[in-house]
Amino acid sequence: MKAQKIWFKASNFNLWIPVSLEGWGVTAVFTLLLFLIATLNNVSSDVAFSLSQHWLTLVELAVVIASFYYVTRGHVDKKY
């Protein structure tokens, strides 16, 4: 069985550092999607957070995070 190419190096559970072109691409697309979700849903720091008003934003963020976790699974070198 062929080993998968390493995209990220994990120094601890919360810090994944991109080490390949694919890792930087995934990081850039993830960041752009987060800004796109915030822009399309008119999220601002002036409005108090309310679950009844922001539930759709939370669902969109959960879908993005889960999908990128699925895409990057197996491409992380975990040495912590």
C-alpha atoms as a PDB file:
ATOM      1  CA  MET A   1       0.000   0.000   0.000  1.00  0.00           C
ATOM      2  CA  LYS A   2       1.422   3.370  -1.032  1.00  0.00           C
ATOM      3  CA  ALA A   3       1.893   6.024   1.642  1.00  0.00           C
ATOM      4  CA  GLN A   4      -0.009   9.234   1.030  1.00  0.00           C
ATOM      5  CA  LYS A   5       1.888  12.467   0.425  1.00  0.00           C
ATOM      6  CA  ILE A   6       2.236  14.651   3.519  1.00  0.00           C
ATOM      7  CA  TRP A   7       0.460  18.026   3.133  1.00  0.00           C
ATOM      8  CA  PHE A   8       0.696  19.190   6.751  1.00  0.00           C
ATOM      9  CA  LYS A   9       2.994  18.657   9.724  1.00  0.00           C
ATOM     10  CA  ALA A  10       1.266  18.716  13.088  1.00  0.00           C
ATOM     11  CA  SER A  11       3.308  20.045  15.990  1.00  0.00           C
ATOM     12  CA  ASN A  12       0.360  19.700  18.371  1.00  0.00           C
ATOM     13  CA  PHE A  13      -3.351  18.975  18.076  1.00  0.00           C
ATOM     14  CA  ASN A  14      -4.279  22.571  17.182  1.00  0.00           C
ATOM     15  CA  LEU A  15      -1.408  23.573  14.874  1.00  0.00           C
ATOM     16  CA  TRP A  16      -1.094  22.076  11.403  1.00  0.00           C
ATOM     17  CA  ILE A  17       1.622  23.678   9.256  1.00  0.00           C
ATOM     18  CA  PRO A  18       1.286  23.300   5.452  1.00  0.00           C
ATOM     19  CA  VAL A  19       4.485  21.833   3.965  1.00  0.00           C
ATOM     20  CA  SER A  20       3.467  21.165   0.368  1.00  0.00           C
ATOM     21  CA  LEU A  21       1.757  22.973  -2.474  1.00  0.00           C
ATOM     22  CA  GLU A  22      -1.417  20.977  -1.854  1.00  0.00           C
ATOM     23  CA  GLY A  23      -1.387  21.976   1.827  1.00  0.00           C
ATOM     24  CA  TRP A  24      -1.039  25.669   0.961  1.00  0.00           C
ATOM     25  CA  GLY A  25      -3.809  25.332  -1.631  1.00  0.00           C
ATOM     26  CA  VAL A  26      -6.172  23.723   0.884  1.00  0.00           C
ATOM     27  CA  THR A  27      -5.340  26.443   3.424  1.00  0.00           C
ATOM     28  CA  ALA A  28      -5.995  29.220   0.889  1.00  0.00           C
ATOM     29  CA  VAL A  29      -9.320  27.730  -0.280  1.00  0.00           C
ATOM     30  CA  PHE A  30     -10.426  27.167   3.332  1.00  0.00           C
ATOM     31  CA  THR A  31      -9.632  30.784   4.242  1.00  0.00           C
ATOM     32  CA  LEU A  32     -11.423  32.126   1.170  1.00  0.00           C
ATOM     33  CA  LEU A  33     -14.508  30.034   1.956  1.00  0.00           C
ATOM     34  CA  LEU A  34     -14.609  31.354   5.524  1.00  0.00           C
ATOM     35  CA  PHE A  35     -14.511  34.955   4.261  1.00  0.00           C
ATOM     36  CA  LEU A  36     -17.126  34.140   1.612  1.00  0.00           C
ATOM     37  CA  ILE A  37     -19.502  32.670   4.199  1.00  0.00           C
ATOM     38  CA  ALA A  38     -19.083  35.722   6.424  1.00  0.00           C
ATOM     39  CA  THR A  39     -19.647  38.101   3.503  1.00  0.00           C
ATOM     40  CA  LEU A  40     -22.696  36.346   2.070  1.00  0.00           C
ATOM     41  CA  ASN A  41     -24.389  36.108   5.474  1.00  0.00           C
ATOM     42  CA  ASN A  42     -23.618  39.730   6.446  1.00  0.00           C
ATOM     43  CA  VAL A  43     -21.775  38.740   9.614  1.00  0.00           C
ATOM     44  CA  SER A  44     -20.459  41.764  11.472  1.00  0.00           C
ATOM     45  CA  SER A  45     -19.026  42.458  14.898  1.00  0.00           C
ATOM     46  CA  ASP A  46     -21.661  45.145  15.553  1.00  0.00           C
ATOM     47  CA  VAL A  47     -24.515  42.637  15.887  1.00  0.00           C
ATOM     48  CA  ALA A  48     -24.840  40.434  18.963  1.00  0.00           C
ATOM     49  CA  PHE A  49     -24.627  36.704  18.271  1.00  0.00           C
ATOM     50  CA  SER A  50     -27.991  34.973  18.292  1.00  0.00           C
ATOM     51  CA  LEU A  51     -28.446  31.308  17.495  1.00  0.00           C
ATOM     52  CA  SER A  52     -31.853  31.918  15.937  1.00  0.00           C
ATOM     53  CA  GLN A  53     -30.354  34.444  13.492  1.00  0.00           C
ATOM     54  CA  HIS A  54     -27.005  32.765  12.800  1.00  0.00           C
ATOM     55  CA  TRP A  55     -27.857  29.055  12.697  1.00  0.00           C
ATOM     56  CA  LEU A  56     -27.432  28.877   8.922  1.00  0.00           C
ATOM     57  CA  THR A  57     -23.948  30.384   9.174  1.00  0.00           C
ATOM     58  CA  LEU A  58     -23.005  27.797  11.791  1.00  0.00           C
ATOM     59  CA  VAL A  59     -24.267  24.965   9.586  1.00  0.00           C
ATOM     60  CA  GLU A  60     -22.266  26.293   6.616  1.00  0.00           C
ATOM     61  CA  LEU A  61     -19.118  26.537   8.750  1.00  0.00           C
ATOM     62  CA  ALA A  62     -19.631  22.994  10.054  1.00  0.00           C
ATOM     63  CA  VAL A  63     -19.995  21.639   6.504  1.00  0.00           C
ATOM     64  CA  VAL A  64     -16.811  23.420   5.360  1.00  0.00           C
ATOM     65  CA  ILE A  65     -14.803  22.213   8.358  1.00  0.00           C
ATOM     66  CA  ALA A  66     -16.034  18.617   8.026  1.00  0.00           C
ATOM     67  CA  SER A  67     -15.364  18.512   4.295  1.00  0.00           C
ATOM     68  CA  PHE A  68     -11.840  19.875   4.632  1.00  0.00           C
ATOM     69  CA  TYR A  69     -11.137  17.450   7.471  1.00  0.00           C
ATOM     70  CA  TYR A  70     -12.271  14.626   5.168  1.00  0.00           C
ATOM     71  CA  VAL A  71     -10.080  15.911   2.299  1.00  0.00           C
ATOM     72  CA  THR A  72      -6.949  16.261   4.446  1.00  0.00           C
ATOM     73  CA  ARG A  73      -7.402  13.008   6.359  1.00  0.00           C
ATOM     74  CA  GLY A  74      -4.298  10.870   5.958  1.00  0.00           C
ATOM     75  CA  HIS A  75      -2.146  13.736   4.694  1.00  0.00           C
ATOM     76  CA  VAL A  76      -0.969  14.912   8.130  1.00  0.00           C
ATOM     77  CA  ASP A  77       2.304  13.919   9.760  1.00  0.00           C
ATOM     78  CA  LYS A  78       1.325  13.742  13.448  1.00  0.00           C
ATOM     79  CA  LYS A  79       4.427  13.826  15.617  1.00  0.00           C
ATOM     80  CA  TYR A  80       3.325  15.385  18.867  1.00  0.00           C
END
